[in-house]
Amino acid sequence: MIEKFFNRLKNPQNQIIIDGKVWYDASLNPPEELAKGHIKFPYKFCPPALRLITI
């Protein structure tokens, strides 16, 4: 689901981000937190380059 969200942001029509990755890291999710329904997904993304702004 998060990967699909990143793909929508990467869409050339929107180009909100250039690229994004999300993954599961077991070390961030101890069994006690998972039992409570809490889960963490680390992610990285690359924003588009700043465009020239003329004032």
N, C-alpha and C. Protein backbone atom coordinates (compact mmCIF):
# COMPACT_ATOMS: atom_id res chain seq x y z
N MET A 1 0.83 -1.18 0.00
CA MET A 1 0.00 0.00 0.00
C MET A 1 0.88 1.26 0.00
N ILE A 2 1.91 1.29 0.80
CA ILE A 2 2.79 2.46 0.85
C ILE A 2 3.57 2.57 -0.45
N GLU A 3 3.98 1.42 -0.99
CA GLU A 3 4.71 1.41 -2.26
C GLU A 3 3.84 1.99 -3.38
N LYS A 4 2.56 1.66 -3.38
CA LYS A 4 1.64 2.21 -4.39
C LYS A 4 1.53 3.72 -4.24
N PHE A 5 1.51 4.20 -3.00
CA PHE A 5 1.46 5.64 -2.75
C PHE A 5 2.69 6.33 -3.33
N PHE A 6 3.89 5.76 -3.09
CA PHE A 6 5.11 6.32 -3.66
C PHE A 6 5.05 6.30 -5.19
N ASN A 7 4.51 5.23 -5.77
CA ASN A 7 4.41 5.16 -7.23
C ASN A 7 3.51 6.26 -7.77
N ARG A 8 2.44 6.60 -7.08
CA ARG A 8 1.59 7.72 -7.51
C ARG A 8 2.35 9.03 -7.44
N LEU A 9 3.18 9.20 -6.40
CA LEU A 9 3.95 10.44 -6.27
C LEU A 9 5.05 10.53 -7.33
N LYS A 10 5.55 9.37 -7.80
CA LYS A 10 6.60 9.33 -8.82
C LYS A 10 6.05 9.51 -10.23
N ASN A 11 4.77 9.40 -10.40
CA ASN A 11 4.15 9.50 -11.72
C ASN A 11 4.64 10.75 -12.45
N PRO A 12 5.11 10.61 -13.71
CA PRO A 12 5.63 11.78 -14.44
C PRO A 12 4.65 12.95 -14.54
N GLN A 13 3.36 12.68 -14.49
CA GLN A 13 2.38 13.76 -14.54
C GLN A 13 2.39 14.58 -13.26
N ASN A 14 2.66 13.94 -12.13
CA ASN A 14 2.69 14.64 -10.84
C ASN A 14 4.11 15.05 -10.47
N GLN A 15 5.05 14.11 -10.57
CA GLN A 15 6.47 14.29 -10.23
C GLN A 15 6.63 15.02 -8.90
N ILE A 16 5.93 14.54 -7.88
CA ILE A 16 6.07 15.11 -6.55
C ILE A 16 7.37 14.64 -5.92
N ILE A 17 7.75 13.38 -6.21
CA ILE A 17 9.07 12.87 -5.80
C ILE A 17 9.71 12.21 -7.01
N ILE A 18 11.03 12.08 -6.99
CA ILE A 18 11.73 11.40 -8.08
C ILE A 18 11.72 9.89 -7.86
N ASP A 19 11.97 9.47 -6.62
CA ASP A 19 11.97 8.05 -6.31
C ASP A 19 11.68 7.88 -4.82
N GLY A 20 11.17 6.71 -4.46
CA GLY A 20 10.90 6.42 -3.06
C GLY A 20 10.93 4.93 -2.80
N LYS A 21 11.40 4.56 -1.64
CA LYS A 21 11.48 3.16 -1.24
C LYS A 21 10.93 3.03 0.18
N VAL A 22 10.26 1.91 0.42
CA VAL A 22 9.78 1.58 1.76
C VAL A 22 10.07 0.11 1.99
N TRP A 23 10.41 -0.26 3.23
CA TRP A 23 10.74 -1.65 3.52
C TRP A 23 10.36 -1.95 4.97
N TYR A 24 10.35 -3.23 5.28
CA TYR A 24 10.07 -3.70 6.63
C TYR A 24 11.38 -3.99 7.33
N ASP A 25 11.51 -3.52 8.57
CA ASP A 25 12.70 -3.77 9.38
C ASP A 25 12.24 -4.36 10.71
N ALA A 26 12.53 -5.64 10.90
CA ALA A 26 12.08 -6.35 12.11
C ALA A 26 12.63 -5.72 13.38
N SER A 27 13.82 -5.12 13.31
CA SER A 27 14.40 -4.52 14.52
C SER A 27 13.61 -3.31 15.02
N LEU A 28 12.82 -2.70 14.16
CA LEU A 28 11.99 -1.56 14.56
C LEU A 28 10.61 -1.98 15.08
N ASN A 29 10.32 -3.28 14.98
CA ASN A 29 8.99 -3.77 15.31
C ASN A 29 9.06 -4.95 16.28
N PRO A 30 9.23 -4.65 17.58
CA PRO A 30 9.25 -5.74 18.57
C PRO A 30 7.87 -6.41 18.65
N PRO A 31 7.86 -7.69 19.04
CA PRO A 31 6.59 -8.43 19.11
C PRO A 31 5.52 -7.74 19.96
N GLU A 32 5.94 -7.06 21.03
CA GLU A 32 4.96 -6.39 21.90
C GLU A 32 4.20 -5.30 21.14
N GLU A 33 4.92 -4.56 20.32
CA GLU A 33 4.28 -3.47 19.55
C GLU A 33 3.42 -4.04 18.43
N LEU A 34 3.90 -5.10 17.78
CA LEU A 34 3.09 -5.73 16.73
C LEU A 34 1.79 -6.28 17.30
N ALA A 35 1.85 -6.83 18.52
CA ALA A 35 0.65 -7.37 19.17
C ALA A 35 -0.38 -6.27 19.43
N LYS A 36 0.10 -5.04 19.63
CA LYS A 36 -0.80 -3.89 19.84
C LYS A 36 -1.30 -3.31 18.52
N GLY A 37 -0.79 -3.83 17.40
CA GLY A 37 -1.20 -3.32 16.10
C GLY A 37 -0.35 -2.16 15.62
N HIS A 38 0.79 -1.92 16.29
CA HIS A 38 1.69 -0.84 15.91
C HIS A 38 2.80 -1.39 15.02
N ILE A 39 2.99 -0.79 13.87
CA ILE A 39 4.04 -1.24 12.96
C ILE A 39 4.74 -0.03 12.36
N LYS A 40 6.04 -0.14 12.18
CA LYS A 40 6.83 0.95 11.62
C LYS A 40 7.48 0.47 10.33
N PHE A 41 7.46 1.31 9.31
CA PHE A 41 8.12 1.05 8.05
C PHE A 41 9.10 2.19 7.77
N PRO A 42 10.39 1.90 7.72
CA PRO A 42 11.33 2.95 7.33
C PRO A 42 11.16 3.25 5.83
N TYR A 43 11.49 4.47 5.45
CA TYR A 43 11.36 4.86 4.05
C TYR A 43 12.40 5.91 3.70
N LYS A 44 12.66 6.03 2.42
CA LYS A 44 13.52 7.07 1.88
C LYS A 44 12.87 7.58 0.61
N PHE A 45 13.04 8.86 0.34
CA PHE A 45 12.55 9.38 -0.92
C PHE A 45 13.45 10.51 -1.39
N CYS A 46 13.40 10.77 -2.68
CA CYS A 46 14.21 11.82 -3.28
C CYS A 46 13.25 12.86 -3.87
N PRO A 47 13.23 14.06 -3.31
CA PRO A 47 12.35 15.10 -3.84
C PRO A 47 12.86 15.60 -5.19
N PRO A 48 11.98 16.21 -5.99
CA PRO A 48 12.44 16.76 -7.26
C PRO A 48 13.40 17.92 -7.03
N ALA A 49 14.18 18.20 -8.05
CA ALA A 49 15.13 19.33 -7.96
C ALA A 49 14.36 20.64 -7.88
N LEU A 50 14.93 21.58 -7.16
CA LEU A 50 14.32 22.89 -7.04
C LEU A 50 14.35 23.57 -8.40
N ARG A 51 13.25 24.10 -8.80
CA ARG A 51 13.19 24.80 -10.08
C ARG A 51 13.55 26.26 -9.89
N LEU A 52 13.99 26.87 -10.92
CA LEU A 52 14.39 28.27 -10.89
C LEU A 52 13.18 29.13 -10.55
N ILE A 53 13.33 29.94 -9.54
CA ILE A 53 12.26 30.85 -9.12
C ILE A 53 12.75 32.27 -9.33
N THR A 54 12.04 33.04 -10.11
CA THR A 54 12.40 34.43 -10.37
C THR A 54 11.44 35.33 -9.60
N ILE A 55 12.02 36.28 -8.88
CA ILE A 55 11.18 37.19 -8.09
C ILE A 55 11.22 38.56 -8.72
